[in-house]
């Protein structure tokens, strides 16, 4: 394989990873919004789905030098929900 084809293949893989990362980021934001909504209503919630997506994103980020995301705690969601209610 020529160098040009190898570079083109790497760029294609990186772009695909970026697209996948953005899709996962959207799903993560939706999961966060759901948890915040449940917290505002006083319903029980977990951060399991958020952090599962976050871990997948961080694995992809390490491979393709993308920004990592922090894991979310229940306490973080509660604090954010309180701030949103004020």
C-alpha atoms as a PDB file:
ATOM      1  CA  UNK A   1       0.000   0.000   0.000  1.00  0.00           C
ATOM      2  CA  UNK A   2       1.382   3.389  -0.874  1.00  0.00           C
ATOM      3  CA  UNK A   3       1.973   6.034   1.735  1.00  0.00           C
ATOM      4  CA  UNK A   4      -0.812   8.164   0.285  1.00  0.00           C
ATOM      5  CA  UNK A   5      -3.339   5.357   0.643  1.00  0.00           C
ATOM      6  CA  UNK A   6      -2.205   4.684   4.214  1.00  0.00           C
ATOM      7  CA  UNK A   7      -2.622   8.348   5.130  1.00  0.00           C
ATOM      8  CA  UNK A   8      -6.019   8.480   3.459  1.00  0.00           C
ATOM      9  CA  UNK A   9      -7.068   5.363   5.370  1.00  0.00           C
ATOM     10  CA  UNK A  10      -5.916   6.879   8.675  1.00  0.00           C
ATOM     11  CA  UNK A  11      -7.814  10.081   7.976  1.00  0.00           C
ATOM     12  CA  UNK A  12     -10.942   8.111   7.097  1.00  0.00           C
ATOM     13  CA  UNK A  13     -10.715   6.131  10.349  1.00  0.00           C
ATOM     14  CA  UNK A  14     -10.156   9.309  12.360  1.00  0.00           C
ATOM     15  CA  UNK A  15     -13.185  11.007  10.793  1.00  0.00           C
ATOM     16  CA  UNK A  16     -15.317   7.936  11.496  1.00  0.00           C
ATOM     17  CA  UNK A  17     -14.106   7.965  15.107  1.00  0.00           C
ATOM     18  CA  UNK A  18     -14.982  11.658  15.410  1.00  0.00           C
ATOM     19  CA  UNK A  19     -18.473  11.010  14.073  1.00  0.00           C
ATOM     20  CA  UNK A  20     -18.961   8.077  16.430  1.00  0.00           C
ATOM     21  CA  UNK A  21     -17.646  10.190  19.322  1.00  0.00           C
ATOM     22  CA  UNK A  22     -20.148  12.961  18.533  1.00  0.00           C
ATOM     23  CA  UNK A  23     -23.004  10.463  18.415  1.00  0.00           C
ATOM     24  CA  UNK A  24     -21.981   9.023  21.771  1.00  0.00           C
ATOM     25  CA  UNK A  25     -21.648  12.538  23.186  1.00  0.00           C
ATOM     26  CA  UNK A  26     -25.241  13.254  22.152  1.00  0.00           C
ATOM     27  CA  UNK A  27     -26.438  10.051  23.818  1.00  0.00           C
ATOM     28  CA  UNK A  28     -24.463  10.986  26.930  1.00  0.00           C
ATOM     29  CA  UNK A  29     -26.081  14.427  27.044  1.00  0.00           C
ATOM     30  CA  UNK A  30     -29.518  12.837  26.695  1.00  0.00           C
ATOM     31  CA  UNK A  31     -28.747  10.459  29.563  1.00  0.00           C
ATOM     32  CA  UNK A  32     -27.564  13.389  31.692  1.00  0.00           C
ATOM     33  CA  UNK A  33     -30.730  15.354  30.922  1.00  0.00           C
ATOM     34  CA  UNK A  34     -32.854  12.360  31.887  1.00  0.00           C
ATOM     35  CA  UNK A  35     -31.016  11.981  35.199  1.00  0.00           C
ATOM     36  CA  UNK A  36     -31.320  15.714  35.917  1.00  0.00           C
ATOM     37  CA  UNK A  37     -35.023  15.636  35.113  1.00  0.00           C
ATOM     38  CA  UNK A  38     -35.556  12.704  37.467  1.00  0.00           C
ATOM     39  CA  UNK A  39     -33.512  14.432  40.169  1.00  0.00           C
ATOM     40  CA  UNK A  40     -35.615  17.592  39.846  1.00  0.00           C
ATOM     41  CA  UNK A  41     -38.764  15.515  40.299  1.00  0.00           C
ATOM     42  CA  UNK A  42     -37.317  13.774  43.354  1.00  0.00           C
ATOM     43  CA  UNK A  43     -37.326  10.406  41.597  1.00  0.00           C
ATOM     44  CA  UNK A  44     -34.543   7.870  42.110  1.00  0.00           C
ATOM     45  CA  UNK A  45     -31.933   7.810  39.346  1.00  0.00           C
ATOM     46  CA  UNK A  46     -28.529   6.371  38.557  1.00  0.00           C
ATOM     47  CA  UNK A  47     -25.544   7.502  36.540  1.00  0.00           C
ATOM     48  CA  UNK A  48     -24.804   4.009  35.215  1.00  0.00           C
ATOM     49  CA  UNK A  49     -25.906   4.723  31.644  1.00  0.00           C
ATOM     50  CA  UNK A  50     -24.073   8.055  31.594  1.00  0.00           C
ATOM     51  CA  UNK A  51     -20.831   6.511  32.796  1.00  0.00           C
ATOM     52  CA  UNK A  52     -21.078   3.511  30.471  1.00  0.00           C
ATOM     53  CA  UNK A  53     -21.251   5.885  27.525  1.00  0.00           C
ATOM     54  CA  UNK A  54     -18.495   8.038  29.039  1.00  0.00           C
ATOM     55  CA  UNK A  55     -16.156   5.051  29.362  1.00  0.00           C
ATOM     56  CA  UNK A  56     -16.773   4.079  25.732  1.00  0.00           C
ATOM     57  CA  UNK A  57     -16.093   7.661  24.673  1.00  0.00           C
ATOM     58  CA  UNK A  58     -12.873   7.794  26.679  1.00  0.00           C
ATOM     59  CA  UNK A  59     -11.620   4.555  25.120  1.00  0.00           C
ATOM     60  CA  UNK A  60     -12.239   6.021  21.673  1.00  0.00           C
ATOM     61  CA  UNK A  61     -10.663   9.307  22.772  1.00  0.00           C
ATOM     62  CA  UNK A  62      -7.447   7.545  23.785  1.00  0.00           C
ATOM     63  CA  UNK A  63      -7.167   5.799  20.432  1.00  0.00           C
ATOM     64  CA  UNK A  64      -7.806   8.892  18.316  1.00  0.00           C
ATOM     65  CA  UNK A  65      -6.543  11.708  20.558  1.00  0.00           C
ATOM     66  CA  UNK A  66      -9.986  13.165  21.194  1.00  0.00           C
ATOM     67  CA  UNK A  67     -11.018  14.991  24.375  1.00  0.00           C
ATOM     68  CA  UNK A  68     -11.977  12.769  27.295  1.00  0.00           C
ATOM     69  CA  UNK A  69     -15.070  13.193  29.448  1.00  0.00           C
ATOM     70  CA  UNK A  70     -15.392  12.972  33.222  1.00  0.00           C
ATOM     71  CA  UNK A  71     -17.413  10.283  34.915  1.00  0.00           C
ATOM     72  CA  UNK A  72     -20.584  11.625  36.509  1.00  0.00           C
ATOM     73  CA  UNK A  73     -21.597  10.969  40.112  1.00  0.00           C
ATOM     74  CA  UNK A  74     -25.074  11.019  41.606  1.00  0.00           C
ATOM     75  CA  UNK A  75     -23.962  13.950  43.748  1.00  0.00           C
ATOM     76  CA  UNK A  76     -22.933  15.929  40.649  1.00  0.00           C
ATOM     77  CA  UNK A  77     -26.386  15.430  39.132  1.00  0.00           C
ATOM     78  CA  UNK A  78     -28.112  16.462  42.355  1.00  0.00           C
ATOM     79  CA  UNK A  79     -26.042  19.645  42.613  1.00  0.00           C
ATOM     80  CA  UNK A  80     -26.712  20.535  38.983  1.00  0.00           C
ATOM     81  CA  UNK A  81     -30.437  19.874  39.377  1.00  0.00           C
ATOM     82  CA  UNK A  82     -30.546  22.158  42.422  1.00  0.00           C
ATOM     83  CA  UNK A  83     -28.791  24.939  40.510  1.00  0.00           C
ATOM     84  CA  UNK A  84     -31.248  24.578  37.630  1.00  0.00           C
ATOM     85  CA  UNK A  85     -34.224  24.961  39.984  1.00  0.00           C
ATOM     86  CA  UNK A  86     -33.022  28.317  41.349  1.00  0.00           C
END
